[in-house]
């Protein structure tokens, strides 16, 4: 596989109009990359990430206002009419 130095040397040896063409080709290749590939992804597994978020929530006492968790859960899970879909 070519190193960056080799690529630069090869491009430098080309006439200016061909250097411009090489630059256009590199830009074309970059445009074909999927958007998700352009940013480096975090390699943390979802389970680990979720565990970290749950620990942060626990440290911040986010759910301290809930006195009866079972009652709160029943209320949250209740079916409610959707806006604009009342019968």
C-alpha atoms as a PDB file:
ATOM      1  CA  UNK A   1       0.000   0.000   0.000  1.00  0.00           C
ATOM      2  CA  UNK A   2       1.316   3.439  -0.918  1.00  0.00           C
ATOM      3  CA  UNK A   3       2.295   5.824   1.831  1.00  0.00           C
ATOM      4  CA  UNK A   4       1.277   9.453   1.868  1.00  0.00           C
ATOM      5  CA  UNK A   5       4.866  10.429   1.070  1.00  0.00           C
ATOM      6  CA  UNK A   6       4.840   8.253  -2.071  1.00  0.00           C
ATOM      7  CA  UNK A   7       1.518   9.698  -3.173  1.00  0.00           C
ATOM      8  CA  UNK A   8       2.771  13.254  -2.652  1.00  0.00           C
ATOM      9  CA  UNK A   9       5.950  12.545  -4.608  1.00  0.00           C
ATOM     10  CA  UNK A  10       3.973  11.019  -7.492  1.00  0.00           C
ATOM     11  CA  UNK A  11       1.536  13.931  -7.605  1.00  0.00           C
ATOM     12  CA  UNK A  12       4.388  16.436  -7.378  1.00  0.00           C
ATOM     13  CA  UNK A  13       5.993  14.886 -10.465  1.00  0.00           C
ATOM     14  CA  UNK A  14       2.837  15.512 -12.532  1.00  0.00           C
ATOM     15  CA  UNK A  15       2.231  18.664 -14.584  1.00  0.00           C
ATOM     16  CA  UNK A  16      -0.033  21.223 -12.845  1.00  0.00           C
ATOM     17  CA  UNK A  17      -3.150  20.371 -14.906  1.00  0.00           C
ATOM     18  CA  UNK A  18      -2.783  16.691 -13.967  1.00  0.00           C
ATOM     19  CA  UNK A  19      -2.230  17.619 -10.314  1.00  0.00           C
ATOM     20  CA  UNK A  20      -5.564  19.448 -10.449  1.00  0.00           C
ATOM     21  CA  UNK A  21      -7.165  16.354 -11.968  1.00  0.00           C
ATOM     22  CA  UNK A  22      -5.706  14.204  -9.173  1.00  0.00           C
ATOM     23  CA  UNK A  23      -7.166  16.610  -6.602  1.00  0.00           C
ATOM     24  CA  UNK A  24     -10.573  16.417  -8.319  1.00  0.00           C
ATOM     25  CA  UNK A  25     -10.389  12.626  -8.186  1.00  0.00           C
ATOM     26  CA  UNK A  26      -9.565  12.638  -4.457  1.00  0.00           C
ATOM     27  CA  UNK A  27     -12.534  14.950  -3.818  1.00  0.00           C
ATOM     28  CA  UNK A  28     -14.744  12.627  -5.877  1.00  0.00           C
ATOM     29  CA  UNK A  29     -13.641   9.643  -3.793  1.00  0.00           C
ATOM     30  CA  UNK A  30     -14.326  11.556  -0.569  1.00  0.00           C
ATOM     31  CA  UNK A  31     -17.832  12.425  -1.787  1.00  0.00           C
ATOM     32  CA  UNK A  32     -18.588   8.723  -2.197  1.00  0.00           C
ATOM     33  CA  UNK A  33     -17.876   7.982   1.466  1.00  0.00           C
ATOM     34  CA  UNK A  34     -20.993   7.334   3.548  1.00  0.00           C
ATOM     35  CA  UNK A  35     -21.695  10.161   5.949  1.00  0.00           C
ATOM     36  CA  UNK A  36     -21.286   7.862   8.966  1.00  0.00           C
ATOM     37  CA  UNK A  37     -17.795   6.895   7.766  1.00  0.00           C
ATOM     38  CA  UNK A  38     -16.615  10.510   7.646  1.00  0.00           C
ATOM     39  CA  UNK A  39     -16.658  10.780  11.448  1.00  0.00           C
ATOM     40  CA  UNK A  40     -14.832   8.252  13.587  1.00  0.00           C
ATOM     41  CA  UNK A  41     -17.298   6.138  15.518  1.00  0.00           C
ATOM     42  CA  UNK A  42     -16.994   5.378  19.169  1.00  0.00           C
ATOM     43  CA  UNK A  43     -16.318   1.686  19.656  1.00  0.00           C
ATOM     44  CA  UNK A  44     -18.061   1.430  23.019  1.00  0.00           C
ATOM     45  CA  UNK A  45     -20.614  -1.409  22.970  1.00  0.00           C
ATOM     46  CA  UNK A  46     -24.215  -0.298  23.497  1.00  0.00           C
ATOM     47  CA  UNK A  47     -24.525  -2.238  26.769  1.00  0.00           C
ATOM     48  CA  UNK A  48     -21.479  -0.516  28.203  1.00  0.00           C
ATOM     49  CA  UNK A  49     -22.728   2.887  27.075  1.00  0.00           C
ATOM     50  CA  UNK A  50     -26.153   2.221  28.612  1.00  0.00           C
ATOM     51  CA  UNK A  51     -24.553   1.137  31.884  1.00  0.00           C
ATOM     52  CA  UNK A  52     -22.548   4.392  31.960  1.00  0.00           C
ATOM     53  CA  UNK A  53     -25.669   6.465  31.318  1.00  0.00           C
ATOM     54  CA  UNK A  54     -27.615   4.628  34.029  1.00  0.00           C
ATOM     55  CA  UNK A  55     -24.764   5.210  36.492  1.00  0.00           C
ATOM     56  CA  UNK A  56     -24.757   8.925  35.645  1.00  0.00           C
ATOM     57  CA  UNK A  57     -28.536   9.069  36.154  1.00  0.00           C
ATOM     58  CA  UNK A  58     -28.117   7.365  39.515  1.00  0.00           C
ATOM     59  CA  UNK A  59     -25.358   9.768  40.569  1.00  0.00           C
ATOM     60  CA  UNK A  60     -27.545  12.753  39.648  1.00  0.00           C
ATOM     61  CA  UNK A  61     -30.596  11.311  41.456  1.00  0.00           C
ATOM     62  CA  UNK A  62     -32.739  11.969  38.382  1.00  0.00           C
ATOM     63  CA  UNK A  63     -35.651   9.866  39.586  1.00  0.00           C
ATOM     64  CA  UNK A  64     -35.727  10.993  43.224  1.00  0.00           C
ATOM     65  CA  UNK A  65     -39.093  12.690  42.699  1.00  0.00           C
ATOM     66  CA  UNK A  66     -40.789   9.312  42.038  1.00  0.00           C
ATOM     67  CA  UNK A  67     -42.210   8.096  45.371  1.00  0.00           C
ATOM     68  CA  UNK A  68     -43.807   4.836  44.142  1.00  0.00           C
ATOM     69  CA  UNK A  69     -41.900   3.456  41.113  1.00  0.00           C
ATOM     70  CA  UNK A  70     -44.502   0.749  40.374  1.00  0.00           C
ATOM     71  CA  UNK A  71     -47.357   3.282  40.296  1.00  0.00           C
ATOM     72  CA  UNK A  72     -45.284   5.640  38.150  1.00  0.00           C
ATOM     73  CA  UNK A  73     -44.562   2.832  35.708  1.00  0.00           C
ATOM     74  CA  UNK A  74     -48.257   1.881  35.429  1.00  0.00           C
ATOM     75  CA  UNK A  75     -49.151   5.509  34.766  1.00  0.00           C
ATOM     76  CA  UNK A  76     -46.447   5.918  32.111  1.00  0.00           C
ATOM     77  CA  UNK A  77     -47.559   2.734  30.331  1.00  0.00           C
ATOM     78  CA  UNK A  78     -51.249   3.741  30.225  1.00  0.00           C
ATOM     79  CA  UNK A  79     -52.700   4.040  26.758  1.00  0.00           C
ATOM     80  CA  UNK A  80     -53.571   7.623  25.958  1.00  0.00           C
ATOM     81  CA  UNK A  81     -55.362   9.045  22.923  1.00  0.00           C
ATOM     82  CA  UNK A  82     -53.003  10.460  20.362  1.00  0.00           C
ATOM     83  CA  UNK A  83     -53.432  14.151  19.526  1.00  0.00           C
ATOM     84  CA  UNK A  84     -55.580  14.577  16.441  1.00  0.00           C
ATOM     85  CA  UNK A  85     -56.840  10.968  16.604  1.00  0.00           C
ATOM     86  CA  UNK A  86     -59.669  11.255  19.090  1.00  0.00           C
ATOM     87  CA  UNK A  87     -62.732   9.176  18.211  1.00  0.00           C
END
